[in-house]
Amino acid sequence: MAITIPNQEGGVGIPSQWSDTINDPLGPLFLSSHPDPLTIDYPVAASQNMAAFTVVGFDGSKRLIPAVLDTTAAIGVLAHAITTDASTNYKGAKVFRGGHFNHKRLVWDASYDSEAKKVMAFEGAPTPTQIRVGTAKTYTP
């Protein structure tokens, strides 16, 4: 939802000459402190370019790749952006395995094409994943 703010510089009784549009922010990354945020380091698969807060899973060698619905199960959220090359010198990355996240702040694969799929993405994830996904609540007086 966009909010239009009129120019107030013209003074009282003089029509404004311009307006500005401010888009609503995405909201906070964490929606609550339960479950507690928990990070664990994991190696990242070769030839990856992932943004911060990408929803990730494991490939067959237990290296991080983006999670894809019905293909690569979601196990966590990448804590920072990372790029790897094609070499076997694997880089490590911090992954949130616990926390209550705002789904609008996470980077999802296109297969998670609805809010319902995003909210259920971590159901049945292996231990130690304790991730909840939701929507930031807003208040309109």
Foldseek 3Di string as FASTA:
>chain_A
DKDKDFDCVVDPPDHGDDIDIDDDDQDDFAQDCPPPWDKDKFWAAAFDWDAFFAFWAADPVRHIDGAAPPPGAGQFTFHGTDGHHRDPPTDMTITTLAGEGELSPHDHDCNCPDPVCSQCRCVPHDPPRHYGYDHHDDDDD
